[in-house]
Protein backbone atom coordinates (compact mmCIF):
# COMPACT_ATOMS: atom_id res chain seq x y z
CA MET A 1 15.95 -6.98 7.65
CA SER A 2 19.09 -5.98 9.49
CA SER A 3 18.71 -5.36 13.20
CA SER A 4 20.83 -2.22 12.73
CA LYS A 5 17.87 -0.55 11.03
CA LYS A 6 15.56 1.53 13.20
CA LEU A 7 12.04 0.13 13.58
CA ILE A 8 9.53 2.89 12.82
CA LEU A 9 6.24 1.02 12.22
CA ASP A 10 5.04 -2.07 14.08
CA ILE A 11 1.58 -3.41 13.19
CA LYS A 12 0.17 -6.21 15.30
CA ASP A 13 -2.93 -8.25 14.42
CA LEU A 14 -4.64 -5.33 12.67
CA LYS A 15 -8.28 -5.86 11.76
CA VAL A 16 -10.69 -3.55 9.98
CA LYS A 17 -14.38 -4.41 9.82
CA PHE A 18 -17.26 -2.52 8.22
CA ASN A 19 -20.91 -2.96 9.14
CA ILE A 20 -23.08 -3.50 6.07
CA PRO A 21 -26.78 -2.63 6.63
CA SER A 22 -29.14 -5.57 6.26
CA LYS A 23 -31.34 -5.63 3.14
CA SER A 24 -34.19 -6.84 5.29
CA MET A 25 -36.84 -4.29 6.20
CA LEU A 26 -37.20 -5.83 9.67
CA PRO A 27 -36.01 -3.36 12.33
CA TRP A 28 -34.29 -6.08 14.40
CA ALA A 29 -32.24 -7.42 11.47
CA LYS A 30 -28.54 -7.27 12.30
CA PRO A 31 -26.04 -5.70 9.90
CA SER A 32 -23.48 -7.92 8.21
CA SER A 33 -19.80 -7.60 9.03
CA LEU A 34 -17.30 -7.17 6.20
CA LYS A 35 -13.75 -8.13 7.19
CA ALA A 36 -11.64 -5.89 4.96
CA VAL A 37 -8.40 -6.56 6.87
CA ASP A 38 -8.23 -9.66 9.04
CA GLY A 39 -5.18 -9.98 11.25
CA VAL A 40 -2.21 -8.32 9.52
CA SER A 41 1.08 -8.05 11.44
CA LEU A 42 4.23 -6.50 9.99
CA LYS A 43 7.23 -4.31 10.76
CA LEU A 44 8.69 -1.49 8.69
CA TYR A 45 12.21 -0.17 9.17
CA GLU A 46 13.80 3.18 8.42
CA GLY A 47 14.68 3.58 4.74
CA GLU A 48 12.87 0.35 3.77
CA THR A 49 10.24 -0.23 1.09
CA LEU A 50 7.46 -2.69 1.88
CA GLY A 51 5.50 -3.88 -1.15
CA VAL A 52 1.87 -4.98 -0.72
CA VAL A 53 0.27 -7.04 -3.52
CA GLY A 54 -2.95 -8.92 -4.19
CA GLU A 55 -6.11 -8.90 -6.28
CA SER A 56 -8.63 -6.06 -6.20
CA GLY A 57 -10.68 -6.37 -3.03
CA CYS A 58 -7.96 -8.09 -1.01
CA GLY A 59 -7.69 -5.23 1.51
CA LYS A 60 -4.49 -3.49 0.35
CA SER A 61 -5.91 0.03 0.24
CA THR A 62 -7.91 -0.47 3.45
CA LEU A 63 -4.69 -1.55 5.18
CA ALA A 64 -3.00 1.64 3.95
CA ARG A 65 -5.85 3.83 5.15
CA ALA A 66 -5.93 2.09 8.52
CA ILE A 67 -2.22 2.76 9.01
CA ILE A 68 -2.65 6.48 8.45
CA GLY A 69 -5.94 6.65 10.37
CA LEU A 70 -8.29 7.42 7.47
CA VAL A 71 -10.37 4.38 8.49
CA PRO A 72 -10.56 3.21 12.12
CA ALA A 73 -9.00 -0.08 13.15
CA SER A 74 -11.45 -2.54 14.71
CA GLU A 75 -8.74 -4.48 16.56
CA GLY A 76 -4.97 -4.57 16.85
CA SER A 77 -2.37 -1.84 17.05
CA VAL A 78 -0.44 0.47 14.71
CA VAL A 79 2.67 1.55 16.62
CA TRP A 80 4.44 4.45 14.92
CA MET A 81 7.79 5.48 16.42
CA GLY A 82 6.79 3.84 19.71
CA GLU A 83 3.27 5.37 19.88
CA ASP A 84 0.04 3.47 19.12
CA LEU A 85 -1.86 5.54 16.54
CA THR A 86 -5.11 3.67 17.20
CA LYS A 87 -5.20 5.11 20.73
CA LEU A 88 -4.78 8.76 19.71
CA ASP A 89 -7.59 11.30 19.57
CA HIS A 90 -8.35 13.17 16.35
CA LYS A 91 -6.16 16.18 17.15
CA SER A 92 -3.12 14.10 18.13
CA LEU A 93 -3.51 11.85 15.09
CA ARG A 94 -3.74 14.89 12.82
CA LEU A 95 -0.37 16.12 14.09
CA LYS A 96 1.16 12.75 13.18
CA ARG A 97 0.19 13.37 9.55
CA LYS A 98 3.29 15.54 9.24
CA GLU A 99 5.33 12.35 9.59
CA ILE A 100 3.15 10.04 7.48
CA GLN A 101 1.87 11.13 4.08
CA MET A 102 0.03 9.38 1.27
CA ILE A 103 0.13 9.29 -2.54
CA PHE A 104 -3.10 8.19 -4.19
CA GLN A 105 -3.96 6.01 -7.17
CA ASP A 106 -5.64 8.51 -9.50
CA PRO A 107 -3.20 11.41 -9.91
CA LEU A 108 -5.74 13.86 -11.35
CA ALA A 109 -8.66 13.03 -9.05
CA SER A 110 -6.46 13.49 -5.97
CA LEU A 111 -5.75 17.14 -6.90
CA ASN A 112 -8.18 20.01 -6.38
CA PRO A 113 -9.04 21.28 -9.91
CA ARG A 114 -9.75 24.79 -8.56
CA MET A 115 -6.27 25.22 -7.09
CA ASN A 116 -3.09 25.89 -9.04
CA VAL A 117 0.02 23.76 -8.61
CA GLY A 118 1.67 26.16 -6.17
CA ASP A 119 -1.35 26.24 -3.87
CA ILE A 120 -1.80 22.44 -4.02
CA ILE A 121 1.79 21.77 -2.96
CA ALA A 122 1.75 24.60 -0.40
CA GLU A 123 -1.51 23.56 1.28
CA PRO A 124 0.13 21.20 3.85
CA LEU A 125 2.67 23.91 4.74
CA ARG A 126 -0.06 26.46 5.34
CA THR A 127 -1.98 23.94 7.45
CA PHE A 128 0.87 22.90 9.73
CA TYR A 129 3.10 25.98 9.58
CA PRO A 130 0.74 29.00 9.36
CA ASN A 131 3.47 31.41 10.51
CA LEU A 132 5.54 30.96 7.36
CA SER A 133 5.59 34.01 5.09
CA LYS A 134 4.36 33.85 1.48
CA ASP A 135 7.93 34.14 0.21
CA GLU A 136 9.11 31.29 2.46
CA VAL A 137 6.25 29.06 1.32
CA LYS A 138 6.86 29.86 -2.34
CA ALA A 139 10.59 29.14 -2.00
CA GLN A 140 9.94 25.73 -0.42
CA VAL A 141 7.33 24.88 -3.06
CA LYS A 142 9.70 25.73 -5.94
CA GLU A 143 12.49 23.72 -4.34
CA MET A 144 10.22 20.68 -4.01
CA MET A 145 8.97 21.07 -7.58
CA SER A 146 12.56 20.90 -8.79
CA LYS A 147 13.17 17.74 -6.71
CA VAL A 148 10.28 15.91 -8.40
CA GLY A 149 11.15 17.06 -11.93
CA LEU A 150 8.67 19.93 -12.39
CA LEU A 151 9.76 23.29 -13.77
CA PRO A 152 9.13 26.10 -11.25
CA ASN A 153 7.64 28.28 -14.01
CA VAL A 154 4.49 26.07 -14.09
CA ILE A 155 3.63 27.00 -10.51
CA ASN A 156 0.52 28.95 -11.53
CA ARG A 157 -0.96 26.29 -13.83
CA TYR A 158 -3.89 24.03 -12.96
CA PRO A 159 -4.05 20.19 -12.81
CA HIS A 160 -6.00 19.78 -16.06
CA GLU A 161 -3.06 21.32 -17.94
CA PHE A 162 -0.76 18.42 -16.98
CA SER A 163 -0.36 14.80 -18.07
CA GLY A 164 -1.05 11.91 -15.69
CA GLY A 165 2.63 11.47 -14.91
CA GLN A 166 3.06 15.18 -14.19
CA CYS A 167 -0.02 15.16 -11.94
CA GLN A 168 1.49 12.27 -9.98
CA ARG A 169 4.69 14.29 -9.57
CA ILE A 170 2.58 17.11 -8.15
CA GLY A 171 1.03 14.61 -5.71
CA ILE A 172 4.50 13.40 -4.71
CA ALA A 173 5.66 16.99 -4.15
CA ARG A 174 2.63 17.67 -1.96
CA ALA A 175 3.34 14.53 0.08
CA LEU A 176 7.02 15.44 0.52
CA ILE A 177 6.66 19.15 1.34
CA LEU A 178 6.31 18.42 5.08
CA LYS A 179 9.45 16.23 5.06
CA PRO A 180 7.67 13.07 6.30
CA LYS A 181 9.44 9.94 7.52
CA MET A 182 7.10 7.56 5.68
CA ILE A 183 4.96 7.72 2.55
CA ILE A 184 2.16 5.28 1.77
CA CYS A 185 1.89 4.84 -2.00
CA ASP A 186 -1.57 3.50 -2.85
CA GLU A 187 -1.13 2.10 -6.37
CA PRO A 188 0.60 5.31 -7.52
CA VAL A 189 1.48 4.05 -11.02
CA SER A 190 -1.50 1.85 -11.97
CA ALA A 191 -3.21 4.66 -13.93
CA LEU A 192 -0.06 5.58 -15.88
CA ASP A 193 1.54 4.33 -19.10
CA VAL A 194 4.32 1.77 -18.69
CA SER A 195 7.13 4.19 -19.60
CA ILE A 196 5.75 6.80 -17.19
CA GLN A 197 5.41 4.13 -14.49
CA ALA A 198 9.14 3.49 -14.68
CA GLN A 199 9.91 7.20 -14.39
CA VAL A 200 7.70 7.62 -11.30
CA VAL A 201 9.08 4.48 -9.61
CA ASN A 202 12.67 5.58 -10.28
CA LEU A 203 11.83 9.05 -8.94
CA LEU A 204 10.48 7.52 -5.72
CA LYS A 205 13.64 5.44 -5.32
CA GLU A 206 15.85 8.49 -5.85
CA LEU A 207 13.86 10.55 -3.34
CA GLN A 208 13.94 7.67 -0.86
CA ASN A 209 17.73 7.47 -1.04
CA GLU A 210 18.12 11.24 -0.83
CA LEU A 211 15.65 11.86 2.01
CA GLY A 212 15.86 8.56 3.92
CA LEU A 213 12.17 7.80 3.40
CA SER A 214 10.35 4.60 4.29
CA LEU A 215 7.72 3.51 1.77
CA VAL A 216 4.66 1.27 1.82
CA PHE A 217 4.15 0.57 -1.88
CA ILE A 218 0.82 -0.96 -2.94
CA ALA A 219 0.53 -2.33 -6.48
CA HIS A 220 -0.98 -5.00 -8.73
CA ASP A 221 2.07 -5.20 -10.98
CA LEU A 222 4.53 -7.65 -9.47
CA SER A 223 7.35 -6.50 -11.73
CA VAL A 224 7.02 -2.98 -10.30
CA VAL A 225 6.93 -4.36 -6.76
CA LYS A 226 10.05 -6.44 -7.44
CA HIS A 227 11.90 -3.37 -8.71
CA ILE A 228 11.24 -1.13 -5.70
CA SER A 229 10.60 -3.35 -2.65
CA ASP A 230 12.86 -4.73 0.06
CA ARG A 231 10.15 -7.01 1.46
CA VAL A 232 6.74 -8.00 0.10
CA LEU A 233 3.41 -8.79 1.78
CA VAL A 234 0.93 -10.85 -0.28
CA MET A 235 -2.73 -10.48 0.75
CA TYR A 236 -5.83 -12.45 -0.13
CA LEU A 237 -9.34 -11.54 1.04
CA GLY A 238 -7.99 -9.38 3.86
CA ASN A 239 -5.56 -12.03 5.10
CA PRO A 240 -1.76 -12.11 4.83
CA VAL A 241 -0.75 -15.28 2.97
CA GLU A 242 2.98 -14.70 2.43
CA PHE A 243 5.53 -12.21 3.76
CA ALA A 244 9.17 -12.36 2.72
CA GLU A 245 12.24 -10.54 1.56
CA CYS A 246 11.71 -9.56 -2.05
CA ASP A 247 14.48 -11.69 -3.58
CA LYS A 248 13.43 -14.79 -1.63
CA LEU A 249 9.76 -14.36 -2.50
CA PHE A 250 10.40 -14.10 -6.24
CA ALA A 251 12.99 -16.89 -6.23
CA ASN A 252 10.85 -19.30 -4.22
CA PRO A 253 7.17 -18.41 -3.71
CA LYS A 254 5.71 -20.91 -1.25
CA HIS A 255 1.99 -20.16 -0.99
CA PRO A 256 -0.21 -21.46 -3.88
CA TYR A 257 -1.77 -18.01 -4.31
CA THR A 258 1.63 -16.32 -4.61
CA GLN A 259 2.72 -18.99 -7.09
CA ALA A 260 -0.36 -18.28 -9.22
CA LEU A 261 0.35 -14.54 -9.17
CA MET A 262 3.99 -15.11 -10.11
CA SER A 263 3.07 -17.39 -13.02
CA ALA A 264 1.07 -14.56 -14.60
CA VAL A 265 4.01 -12.13 -14.66
CA PRO A 266 5.24 -11.68 -18.28
CA ILE A 267 8.80 -12.81 -19.05
CA PRO A 268 10.79 -10.60 -21.47
CA ASP A 269 12.25 -13.66 -23.26
CA PRO A 270 9.70 -14.81 -25.92
CA LYS A 271 10.81 -18.46 -25.77
CA LEU A 272 10.51 -18.64 -21.99
CA GLU A 273 7.19 -16.78 -22.11
CA ARG A 274 5.71 -19.30 -24.56
CA SER A 275 6.99 -22.32 -22.64
CA LYS A 276 5.95 -21.27 -19.13
CA THR A 277 2.87 -22.71 -17.38
CA ILE A 278 0.33 -20.24 -16.05
CA GLN A 279 -1.48 -21.44 -12.94
CA MET A 280 -5.06 -20.36 -13.50
CA LEU A 281 -7.21 -19.68 -10.44
CA GLU A 282 -10.69 -21.12 -10.81
CA GLY A 283 -13.77 -19.27 -9.63
CA ASP A 284 -14.24 -15.73 -8.41
CA LEU A 285 -12.96 -14.00 -5.31
CA PRO A 286 -15.34 -14.95 -2.45
CA SER A 287 -17.34 -12.25 -0.71
CA PRO A 288 -15.55 -10.76 2.33
CA ILE A 289 -18.98 -10.57 3.98
CA ASN A 290 -19.19 -14.37 3.91
CA PRO A 291 -15.62 -15.68 3.58
CA PRO A 292 -14.86 -19.43 3.38
CA SER A 293 -14.27 -21.28 6.63
CA GLY A 294 -10.74 -22.26 7.54
CA CYS A 295 -8.31 -21.10 4.87
CA VAL A 296 -9.93 -18.27 2.88
CA PHE A 297 -8.06 -19.35 -0.27
CA ARG A 298 -9.25 -22.98 -0.21
CA THR A 299 -12.17 -22.47 -2.65
CA ARG A 300 -9.69 -21.57 -5.42
CA CYS A 301 -6.65 -23.53 -4.26
CA PRO A 302 -5.48 -26.44 -6.46
CA ILE A 303 -4.10 -28.43 -3.50
CA ALA A 304 -6.81 -27.83 -0.87
CA THR A 305 -7.90 -30.74 1.37
CA GLU A 306 -10.65 -31.22 3.96
CA ARG A 307 -8.27 -29.96 6.61
CA CYS A 308 -8.19 -26.55 4.88
CA GLY A 309 -11.90 -26.11 5.55
CA THR A 310 -11.60 -26.57 9.32
CA GLU A 311 -8.29 -24.93 10.28
CA LYS A 312 -7.39 -21.29 9.77
CA PRO A 313 -3.70 -21.04 8.89
CA GLN A 314 -1.32 -18.55 10.50
CA LEU A 315 1.85 -17.09 9.06
CA LYS A 316 4.77 -19.34 9.91
CA GLY A 317 8.41 -19.45 8.90
CA ASP A 318 11.75 -17.84 9.73
CA ASP A 319 12.76 -14.20 10.01
CA SER A 320 12.94 -13.64 6.27
CA HIS A 321 10.11 -15.77 4.78
CA TYR A 322 6.64 -16.50 6.19
CA GLN A 323 3.65 -18.19 4.56
CA SER A 324 0.25 -19.36 5.75
CA CYS A 325 -0.47 -22.58 3.81
CA LEU A 326 -1.32 -25.56 6.05
CA LEU A 327 0.08 -27.99 3.47
CA ARG A 328 3.39 -26.31 2.73
CA ALA A 329 6.46 -26.33 4.95
């Protein structure tokens, strides 16, 4: 990433742990510790899109919620525009929500079914700018609806009257109404049809270019991530395993886990699709309550050695491509 870009988010060694109550009935039994995010460090620049990928349960959504303060960080720092969000009290953190907004995975479930579209989109305005008149609020809501491709004449309809793609546009409008600097997109297209996914992703790119937004884009679909991201973070069991510029990651994935994910991406050419080799991962994802020693990926890694069970790898590499495999340069 060019040094001319302004750094807006700097995460250092972020960890999120949850205490799981013991199943034992003994009163002195200690709770187990679930490491949902285990030592993630990254930087996000103004106008950049950071893609975050990995299997279900790898900590992507917990990372997103820790950035915005919806779950508390156990260790590390989340420095937003020079201020550590993990050190702020509830009131101060709430005020920062004007600058950082979130789009959720299920477009319908994230909208209040008892509120019409106008009230849903206007709710953040009424929360942070209570002095605005009804006419001012309505004018801003209609303007934002037009930006996201919704007709202003549907302002009085309710969420159940819209398709999934339209509901996600309502969620995007609600996130943008406060004119934030960054939006965290938590799998915003995974519940949508493929054609609608493309429309929503293209809409986000257009809005990003128009408004100068920075995006953290979480997804399972690597083809979607490739289309929208500038850099990509690959996570496994709460750990970062590869972090690189998008083009370099897809051209030359270095970590065995990333290589396995890439091999499963469909290729539009039928001949190439039939001839490619898919690297199957054996076994199930280990429990984050009791992760493997050393490298957390070693129990499913095709090249693991004894060394992988005793040493925990760290991200290493140059400014544009990092990976955490002990056996790969």
